[in-house]
PDB file of N, CA and C in Angstrom:
ATOM      1  N   MET A   1     128.413  96.257 103.116  1.00  0.00           N
ATOM      2  CA  MET A   1     127.867  96.036 101.996  1.00  0.00           C
ATOM      3  C   MET A   1     126.029  95.729 102.629  1.00  0.00           C
ATOM      4  N   GLY A   2     126.649  94.290 101.832  1.00  0.00           N
ATOM      5  CA  GLY A   2     125.116  93.859 101.423  1.00  0.00           C
ATOM      6  C   GLY A   2     123.682  93.867 103.404  1.00  0.00           C
ATOM      7  N   GLY A   3     124.753  94.049 104.471  1.00  0.00           N
ATOM      8  CA  GLY A   3     123.870  94.004 105.772  1.00  0.00           C
ATOM      9  C   GLY A   3     123.238  95.703 105.527  1.00  0.00           C
ATOM     10  N   ILE A   4     124.094  96.491 105.269  1.00  0.00           N
ATOM     11  CA  ILE A   4     123.113  97.633 104.893  1.00  0.00           C
ATOM     12  C   ILE A   4     122.561  97.839 103.972  1.00  0.00           C
ATOM     13  N   GLY A   5     122.555  97.194 103.432  1.00  0.00           N
ATOM     14  CA  GLY A   5     121.538  97.422 102.334  1.00  0.00           C
ATOM     15  C   GLY A   5     120.370  97.406 102.323  1.00  0.00           C
ATOM     16  N   GLY A   6     120.226  95.144 102.979  1.00  0.00           N
ATOM     17  CA  GLY A   6     119.197  94.641 104.072  1.00  0.00           C
ATOM     18  C   GLY A   6     118.299  95.604 104.538  1.00  0.00           C
ATOM     19  N   PHE A   7     118.760  96.567 105.897  1.00  0.00           N
ATOM     20  CA  PHE A   7     118.662  96.336 106.966  1.00  0.00           C
ATOM     21  C   PHE A   7     117.972  97.718 105.724  1.00  0.00           C
ATOM     22  N   ALA A   8     118.319  98.231 104.972  1.00  0.00           N
ATOM     23  CA  ALA A   8     117.468  99.594 104.605  1.00  0.00           C
ATOM     24  C   ALA A   8     116.041  99.050 104.066  1.00  0.00           C
ATOM     25  N   VAL A   9     116.635  98.182 103.576  1.00  0.00           N
ATOM     26  CA  VAL A   9     115.105  97.162 102.569  1.00  0.00           C
ATOM     27  C   VAL A   9     114.085  96.883 103.748  1.00  0.00           C
ATOM     28  N   GLY A  10     114.767  96.226 104.293  1.00  0.00           N
ATOM     29  CA  GLY A  10     113.862  94.880 105.466  1.00  0.00           C
ATOM     30  C   GLY A  10     113.324  96.335 106.090  1.00  0.00           C
ATOM     31  N   TYR A  11     113.604  97.729 106.820  1.00  0.00           N
ATOM     32  CA  TYR A  11     113.542  98.484 107.284  1.00  0.00           C
ATOM     33  C   TYR A  11     111.780  99.474 106.472  1.00  0.00           C
ATOM     34  N   SER A  12     112.312  99.922 105.712  1.00  0.00           N
ATOM     35  CA  SER A  12     110.891 100.562 104.391  1.00  0.00           C
ATOM     36  C   SER A  12     110.155  99.927 104.079  1.00  0.00           C
ATOM     37  N   ILE A  13     110.384  98.741 103.757  1.00  0.00           N
ATOM     38  CA  ILE A  13     108.842  97.635 103.400  1.00  0.00           C
ATOM     39  C   ILE A  13     108.545  97.125 104.568  1.00  0.00           C
ATOM     40  N   LYS A  14     108.742  96.731 106.174  1.00  0.00           N
ATOM     41  CA  LYS A  14     108.296  96.744 107.484  1.00  0.00           C
ATOM     42  C   LYS A  14     107.173  97.886 107.263  1.00  0.00           C
ATOM     43  N   LYS A  15     107.410  99.315 107.009  1.00  0.00           N
ATOM     44  CA  LYS A  15     106.991 101.014 107.181  1.00  0.00           C
ATOM     45  C   LYS A  15     106.552 101.439 106.290  1.00  0.00           C
ATOM     46  N   LEU A  16     106.628 100.390 105.167  1.00  0.00           N
ATOM     47  CA  LEU A  16     105.787 101.261 104.716  1.00  0.00           C
ATOM     48  C   LEU A  16     103.834  99.833 104.449  1.00  0.00           C
ATOM     49  N   PHE A  17     104.176  98.741 104.803  1.00  0.00           N
ATOM     50  CA  PHE A  17     103.553  97.482 105.189  1.00  0.00           C
ATOM     51  C   PHE A  17     102.662  98.594 105.832  1.00  0.00           C
ATOM     52  N   LYS A  18     102.718  99.075 107.313  1.00  0.00           N
ATOM     53  CA  LYS A  18     102.308  99.376 108.217  1.00  0.00           C
ATOM     54  C   LYS A  18     101.770 100.662 108.017  1.00  0.00           C
ATOM     55  N   LEU A  19     101.997 101.283 106.948  1.00  0.00           N
ATOM     56  CA  LEU A  19     101.345 102.408 106.534  1.00  0.00           C
ATOM     57  C   LEU A  19     100.237 101.684 105.001  1.00  0.00           C
ATOM     58  N   VAL A  20     100.353 100.667 104.923  1.00  0.00           N
ATOM     59  CA  VAL A  20      99.180 100.056 103.901  1.00  0.00           C
ATOM     60  C   VAL A  20      98.075 100.053 105.197  1.00  0.00           C
ATOM     61  N   ALA A  21      98.377  98.765 105.677  1.00  0.00           N
ATOM     62  CA  ALA A  21      98.044  98.014 106.750  1.00  0.00           C
ATOM     63  C   ALA A  21      96.774  98.905 107.485  1.00  0.00           C
ATOM     64  N   PHE A  22      97.167 100.726 107.989  1.00  0.00           N
ATOM     65  CA  PHE A  22      96.719 101.563 108.485  1.00  0.00           C
ATOM     66  C   PHE A  22      96.054 102.533 107.533  1.00  0.00           C
ATOM     67  N   ILE A  23      96.147 101.941 106.402  1.00  0.00           N
ATOM     68  CA  ILE A  23      94.401 102.765 105.646  1.00  0.00           C
ATOM     69  C   ILE A  23      93.891 102.473 105.046  1.00  0.00           C
ATOM     70  N   PHE A  24      94.162 100.308 104.687  1.00  0.00           N
ATOM     71  CA  PHE A  24      93.002  99.732 104.854  1.00  0.00           C
ATOM     72  C   PHE A  24      91.619  99.764 106.095  1.00  0.00           C
ATOM     73  N   GLY A  25      92.785  99.905 106.523  1.00  0.00           N
ATOM     74  CA  GLY A  25      92.359  99.766 108.656  1.00  0.00           C
ATOM     75  C   GLY A  25      91.183 100.889 108.533  1.00  0.00           C
ATOM     76  N   ILE A  26      91.395 102.362 108.620  1.00  0.00           N
ATOM     77  CA  ILE A  26      90.406 103.378 108.229  1.00  0.00           C
ATOM     78  C   ILE A  26      89.739 103.286 107.683  1.00  0.00           C
ATOM     79  N   PHE A  27      89.979 102.772 106.311  1.00  0.00           N
ATOM     80  CA  PHE A  27      88.599 102.376 105.068  1.00  0.00           C
ATOM     81  C   PHE A  27      88.132 101.818 105.427  1.00  0.00           C
ATOM     82  N   PHE A  28      88.359 100.589 105.504  1.00  0.00           N
ATOM     83  CA  PHE A  28      87.272  99.678 106.503  1.00  0.00           C
ATOM     84  C   PHE A  28      86.215  99.758 107.739  1.00  0.00           C
ATOM     85  N   LEU A  29      86.784 100.910 108.706  1.00  0.00           N
ATOM     86  CA  LEU A  29      85.873 101.243 109.528  1.00  0.00           C
ATOM     87  C   LEU A  29      85.670 102.392 108.597  1.00  0.00           C
ATOM     88  N   VAL A  30      85.669 103.039 107.960  1.00  0.00           N
ATOM     89  CA  VAL A  30      84.689 104.059 107.504  1.00  0.00           C
ATOM     90  C   VAL A  30      83.684 103.315 106.113  1.00  0.00           C
ATOM     91  N   LEU A  31      84.044 102.449 105.787  1.00  0.00           N
ATOM     92  CA  LEU A  31      83.114 101.349 105.114  1.00  0.00           C
ATOM     93  C   LEU A  31      81.580 100.694 106.433  1.00  0.00           C
ATOM     94  N   ILE A  32      82.134 100.866 106.578  1.00  0.00           N
ATOM     95  CA  ILE A  32      81.476  99.925 108.587  1.00  0.00           C
ATOM     96  C   ILE A  32      80.350 100.872 108.985  1.00  0.00           C
ATOM     97  N   TYR A  33      81.499 101.899 109.032  1.00  0.00           N
ATOM     98  CA  TYR A  33      79.925 102.857 110.020  1.00  0.00           C
ATOM     99  C   TYR A  33      79.120 103.139 108.595  1.00  0.00           C
ATOM    100  N   LEU A  34      79.372 103.301 107.289  1.00  0.00           N
ATOM    101  CA  LEU A  34      78.424 103.889 106.090  1.00  0.00           C
ATOM    102  C   LEU A  34      77.530 102.760 106.109  1.00  0.00           C
ATOM    103  N   GLY A  35      78.384 101.603 106.670  1.00  0.00           N
ATOM    104  CA  GLY A  35      77.245 100.713 106.094  1.00  0.00           C
ATOM    105  C   GLY A  35      75.936 100.453 107.207  1.00  0.00           C
ATOM    106  N   TYR A  36      76.606 100.956 108.406  1.00  0.00           N
ATOM    107  CA  TYR A  36      76.077 100.875 109.528  1.00  0.00           C
ATOM    108  C   TYR A  36      74.441 102.127 109.209  1.00  0.00           C
ATOM    109  N   ALA A  37      75.168 103.034 109.081  1.00  0.00           N
ATOM    110  CA  ALA A  37      74.558 104.784 109.109  1.00  0.00           C
ATOM    111  C   ALA A  37      73.056 104.336 108.060  1.00  0.00           C
ATOM    112  N   GLY A  38      73.094 102.977 106.713  1.00  0.00           N
ATOM    113  CA  GLY A  38      72.231 102.728 105.910  1.00  0.00           C
ATOM    114  C   GLY A  38      72.788 104.507 104.701  1.00  0.00           C
ATOM    115  N   VAL A  39      73.887 104.387 105.145  1.00  0.00           N
ATOM    116  CA  VAL A  39      74.427 105.699 103.363  1.00  0.00           C
ATOM    117  C   VAL A  39      74.504 104.925 102.188  1.00  0.00           C
ATOM    118  N   ILE A  40      75.919 103.683 102.623  1.00  0.00           N
ATOM    119  CA  ILE A  40      76.238 102.422 101.654  1.00  0.00           C
ATOM    120  C   ILE A  40      75.343 101.632 101.842  1.00  0.00           C
ATOM    121  N   SER A  41      75.402 100.110 101.098  1.00  0.00           N
ATOM    122  CA  SER A  41      74.965  98.761 101.123  1.00  0.00           C
ATOM    123  C   SER A  41      76.599  98.343 100.744  1.00  0.00           C
ATOM    124  N   VAL A  42      77.082  97.635 101.759  1.00  0.00           N
ATOM    125  CA  VAL A  42      78.593  96.961 101.314  1.00  0.00           C
ATOM    126  C   VAL A  42      78.567  95.764 100.531  1.00  0.00           C
ATOM    127  N   ASP A  43      78.950  94.667  99.715  1.00  0.00           N
ATOM    128  CA  ASP A  43      78.872  93.612  99.457  1.00  0.00           C
ATOM    129  C   ASP A  43      80.063  92.966 100.378  1.00  0.00           C
ATOM    130  N   TYR A  44      80.140  92.453 100.919  1.00  0.00           N
ATOM    131  CA  TYR A  44      81.336  92.300 101.510  1.00  0.00           C
ATOM    132  C   TYR A  44      81.991  90.875 101.326  1.00  0.00           C
ATOM    133  N   GLY A  45      81.538  90.093 100.838  1.00  0.00           N
ATOM    134  CA  GLY A  45      81.790  88.638 100.030  1.00  0.00           C
ATOM    135  C   GLY A  45      82.621  89.422  98.788  1.00  0.00           C
ATOM    136  N   LYS A  46      81.865  90.513  97.887  1.00  0.00           N
ATOM    137  CA  LYS A  46      83.037  90.850  97.001  1.00  0.00           C
ATOM    138  C   LYS A  46      84.273  91.675  97.430  1.00  0.00           C
ATOM    139  N   LEU A  47      83.929  92.803  98.405  1.00  0.00           N
ATOM    140  CA  LEU A  47      84.941  93.412  99.283  1.00  0.00           C
ATOM    141  C   LEU A  47      86.076  92.565  98.963  1.00  0.00           C
ATOM    142  N   GLU A  48      85.653  90.941  99.811  1.00  0.00           N
ATOM    143  CA  GLU A  48      86.734  90.239 100.660  1.00  0.00           C
ATOM    144  C   GLU A  48      87.555  89.664  99.101  1.00  0.00           C
ATOM    145  N   GLU A  49      86.424  88.989  98.738  1.00  0.00           N
ATOM    146  CA  GLU A  49      87.600  88.565  97.137  1.00  0.00           C
ATOM    147  C   GLU A  49      88.573  89.847  96.286  1.00  0.00           C
ATOM    148  N   ILE A  50      88.222  91.444  96.033  1.00  0.00           N
ATOM    149  CA  ILE A  50      88.990  92.379  96.481  1.00  0.00           C
ATOM    150  C   ILE A  50      89.961  92.148  97.044  1.00  0.00           C
ATOM    151  N   VAL A  51      89.752  92.066  98.148  1.00  0.00           N
ATOM    152  CA  VAL A  51      91.682  92.120  98.959  1.00  0.00           C
ATOM    153  C   VAL A  51      92.484  91.309  98.617  1.00  0.00           C
ATOM    154  N   SER A  52      92.022  89.922  98.898  1.00  0.00           N
ATOM    155  CA  SER A  52      92.580  88.569  98.234  1.00  0.00           C
ATOM    156  C   SER A  52      92.947  88.978  97.326  1.00  0.00           C
ATOM    157  N   GLN A  53      92.986  88.971  96.410  1.00  0.00           N
ATOM    158  CA  GLN A  53      93.720  89.157  94.902  1.00  0.00           C
ATOM    159  C   GLN A  53      94.733  90.687  95.312  1.00  0.00           C
ATOM    160  N   SER A  54      94.574  91.421  95.557  1.00  0.00           N
ATOM    161  CA  SER A  54      95.104  92.615  96.061  1.00  0.00           C
ATOM    162  C   SER A  54      96.610  91.938  96.419  1.00  0.00           C
ATOM    163  N   LEU A  55      96.043  91.001  97.711  1.00  0.00           N
ATOM    164  CA  LEU A  55      96.987  90.806  98.308  1.00  0.00           C
ATOM    165  C   LEU A  55      98.425  89.913  97.939  1.00  0.00           C
ATOM    166  N   GLY A  56      97.617  89.240  97.377  1.00  0.00           N
ATOM    167  CA  GLY A  56      98.465  88.132  95.657  1.00  0.00           C
ATOM    168  C   GLY A  56      99.201  88.368  94.790  1.00  0.00           C
ATOM    169  N   ILE A  57      99.047  90.098  94.436  1.00  0.00           N
ATOM    170  CA  ILE A  57     100.108  90.482  94.252  1.00  0.00           C
ATOM    171  C   ILE A  57     101.315  91.232  94.933  1.00  0.00           C
ATOM    172  N   THR A  58     100.758  92.205  96.001  1.00  0.00           N
ATOM    173  CA  THR A  58     101.929  91.775  97.169  1.00  0.00           C
ATOM    174  C   THR A  58     102.841  90.206  97.155  1.00  0.00           C
ATOM    175  N   GLY A  59     102.195  89.270  97.212  1.00  0.00           N
ATOM    176  CA  GLY A  59     103.249  88.433  97.297  1.00  0.00           C
ATOM    177  C   GLY A  59     103.809  88.007  96.585  1.00  0.00           C
ATOM    178  N   GLN A  60     103.671  88.664  95.687  1.00  0.00           N
ATOM    179  CA  GLN A  60     104.306  88.447  93.862  1.00  0.00           C
ATOM    180  C   GLN A  60     105.375  89.256  94.787  1.00  0.00           C
ATOM    181  N   GLY A  61     104.928  90.662  95.183  1.00  0.00           N
ATOM    182  CA  GLY A  61     106.802  91.678  95.428  1.00  0.00           C
ATOM    183  C   GLY A  61     107.565  91.275  96.418  1.00  0.00           C
ATOM    184  N   LEU A  62     107.085  90.546  96.922  1.00  0.00           N
ATOM    185  CA  LEU A  62     108.085  89.347  97.939  1.00  0.00           C
ATOM    186  C   LEU A  62     108.621  88.884  97.113  1.00  0.00           C
ATOM    187  N   GLU A  63     107.887  88.351  96.832  1.00  0.00           N
ATOM    188  CA  GLU A  63     109.011  86.621  95.943  1.00  0.00           C
ATOM    189  C   GLU A  63     109.925  87.362  94.807  1.00  0.00           C
ATOM    190  N   LEU A  64     110.103  88.537  93.942  1.00  0.00           N
ATOM    191  CA  LEU A  64     110.990  89.592  93.642  1.00  0.00           C
ATOM    192  C   LEU A  64     111.742  89.806  94.495  1.00  0.00           C
ATOM    193  N   ILE A  65     111.783  90.049  95.390  1.00  0.00           N
ATOM    194  CA  ILE A  65     112.204  90.509  96.597  1.00  0.00           C
ATOM    195  C   ILE A  65     113.710  89.307  96.615  1.00  0.00           C
ATOM    196  N   ARG A  66     112.990  88.397  97.336  1.00  0.00           N
ATOM    197  CA  ARG A  66     113.904  86.617  97.642  1.00  0.00           C
ATOM    198  C   ARG A  66     114.232  86.977  96.288  1.00  0.00           C
ATOM    199  N   LEU A  67     113.882  86.595  94.837  1.00  0.00           N
ATOM    200  CA  LEU A  67     114.786  86.608  93.812  1.00  0.00           C
ATOM    201  C   LEU A  67     116.183  87.745  93.899  1.00  0.00           C
ATOM    202  N   ILE A  68     116.011  88.607  93.579  1.00  0.00           N
ATOM    203  CA  ILE A  68     116.887  89.909  93.386  1.00  0.00           C
ATOM    204  C   ILE A  68     117.847  88.902  94.582  1.00  0.00           C
ATOM    205  N   ALA A  69     117.486  89.393  95.976  1.00  0.00           N
ATOM    206  CA  ALA A  69     118.493  88.726  97.377  1.00  0.00           C
ATOM    207  C   ALA A  69     119.132  87.644  97.178  1.00  0.00           C
ATOM    208  N   ALA A  70     118.409  86.394  96.434  1.00  0.00           N
ATOM    209  CA  ALA A  70     119.132  85.534  95.486  1.00  0.00           C
ATOM    210  C   ALA A  70     119.590  85.360  94.710  1.00  0.00           C
ATOM    211  N   HIS A  71     120.561  86.004  93.826  1.00  0.00           N
ATOM    212  CA  HIS A  71     121.040  85.983  92.931  1.00  0.00           C
ATOM    213  C   HIS A  71     122.972  87.819  93.322  1.00  0.00           C
ATOM    214  N   LEU A  72     122.555  88.047  94.869  1.00  0.00           N
ATOM    215  CA  LEU A  72     123.423  88.454  95.167  1.00  0.00           C
ATOM    216  C   LEU A  72     124.569  88.160  95.665  1.00  0.00           C
ATOM    217  N   PRO A  73     125.744  88.502  95.805  1.00  0.00           N
ATOM    218  CA  PRO A  73     126.675  87.713  95.960  1.00  0.00           C
ATOM    219  C   PRO A  73     126.924  88.429  97.156  1.00  0.00           C
ATOM    220  N   PHE A  74     126.253  88.910  97.996  1.00  0.00           N
ATOM    221  CA  PHE A  74     126.334  88.503  99.672  1.00  0.00           C
ATOM    222  C   PHE A  74     125.280  89.208 100.131  1.00  0.00           C
ATOM    223  N   GLU A  75     124.728  87.342  99.436  1.00  0.00           N
ATOM    224  CA  GLU A  75     123.107  87.625 100.450  1.00  0.00           C
ATOM    225  C   GLU A  75     123.179  87.063 102.217  1.00  0.00           C
ATOM    226  N   ALA A  76     124.273  86.542 102.384  1.00  0.00           N
ATOM    227  CA  ALA A  76     123.831  86.336 103.746  1.00  0.00           C
ATOM    228  C   ALA A  76     123.915  88.127 104.405  1.00  0.00           C
ATOM    229  N   THR A  77     124.524  88.994 104.452  1.00  0.00           N
ATOM    230  CA  THR A  77     124.561  89.773 104.985  1.00  0.00           C
ATOM    231  C   THR A  77     123.361  90.706 104.577  1.00  0.00           C
ATOM    232  N   PHE A  78     123.175  90.526 103.599  1.00  0.00           N
ATOM    233  CA  PHE A  78     121.385  91.194 103.268  1.00  0.00           C
ATOM    234  C   PHE A  78     120.396  90.850 103.261  1.00  0.00           C
ATOM    235  N   THR A  79     120.668  88.977 103.791  1.00  0.00           N
ATOM    236  CA  THR A  79     119.681  88.544 104.399  1.00  0.00           C
ATOM    237  C   THR A  79     119.648  89.580 105.735  1.00  0.00           C
ATOM    238  N   ALA A  80     120.531  88.908 106.282  1.00  0.00           N
ATOM    239  CA  ALA A  80     120.538  89.894 107.963  1.00  0.00           C
ATOM    240  C   ALA A  80     120.315  90.695 108.616  1.00  0.00           C
ATOM    241  N   GLY A  81     121.320  91.725 107.007  1.00  0.00           N
ATOM    242  CA  GLY A  81     120.396  93.339 107.521  1.00  0.00           C
ATOM    243  C   GLY A  81     118.621  93.488 107.175  1.00  0.00           C
ATOM    244  N   PHE A  82     118.297  92.555 106.237  1.00  0.00           N
ATOM    245  CA  PHE A  82     116.956  92.670 106.042  1.00  0.00           C
ATOM    246  C   PHE A  82     116.199  92.411 107.444  1.00  0.00           C
ATOM    247  N   VAL A  83     116.398  91.287 107.731  1.00  0.00           N
ATOM    248  CA  VAL A  83     115.729  91.107 108.722  1.00  0.00           C
ATOM    249  C   VAL A  83     115.741  91.381 110.794  1.00  0.00           C
ATOM    250  N   LEU A  84     117.207  92.445 110.575  1.00  0.00           N
ATOM    251  CA  LEU A  84     117.496  93.049 111.394  1.00  0.00           C
ATOM    252  C   LEU A  84     116.168  94.619 111.540  1.00  0.00           C
ATOM    253  N   GLY A  85     116.513  94.830 109.808  1.00  0.00           N
ATOM    254  CA  GLY A  85     115.800  95.947 109.577  1.00  0.00           C
ATOM    255  C   GLY A  85     113.507  96.104 109.396  1.00  0.00           C
ATOM    256  N   PHE A  86     113.674  94.554 109.625  1.00  0.00           N
ATOM    257  CA  PHE A  86     112.236  94.426 109.089  1.00  0.00           C
ATOM    258  C   PHE A  86     112.015  94.505 110.543  1.00  0.00           C
ATOM    259  N   LYS A  87     112.703  93.443 111.690  1.00  0.00           N
ATOM    260  CA  LYS A  87     112.124  93.659 112.642  1.00  0.00           C
ATOM    261  C   LYS A  87     111.955  95.296 113.159  1.00  0.00           C
ATOM    262  N   LYS A  88     113.589  96.110 113.468  1.00  0.00           N
ATOM    263  CA  LYS A  88     113.199  96.758 113.708  1.00  0.00           C
ATOM    264  C   LYS A  88     112.214  98.160 113.373  1.00  0.00           C
ATOM    265  N   GLY A  89     111.985  97.759 111.839  1.00  0.00           N
ATOM    266  CA  GLY A  89     111.243  98.745 111.544  1.00  0.00           C
ATOM    267  C   GLY A  89     109.165  98.910 111.875  1.00  0.00           C
TER     268      GLY A  89
END
């Protein structure tokens, strides 16, 4: 049961990360284009600071997953399933 749960969580997280990365990529391309066209002026230093803070929150989410997985009685199968699901996602 732990392996199946771990696989589902790993697969879902990787798919979510791919979606977030795609959205951020499109957003940055639009910003670069609008800056190049002279429509907006982008403060890239401030943008980098905001993105770094946002990624810090994501890192805390991963710590929560590790904490939950550590307290499950079937942590070995959960971890193996998580890794397999993350690879397949």
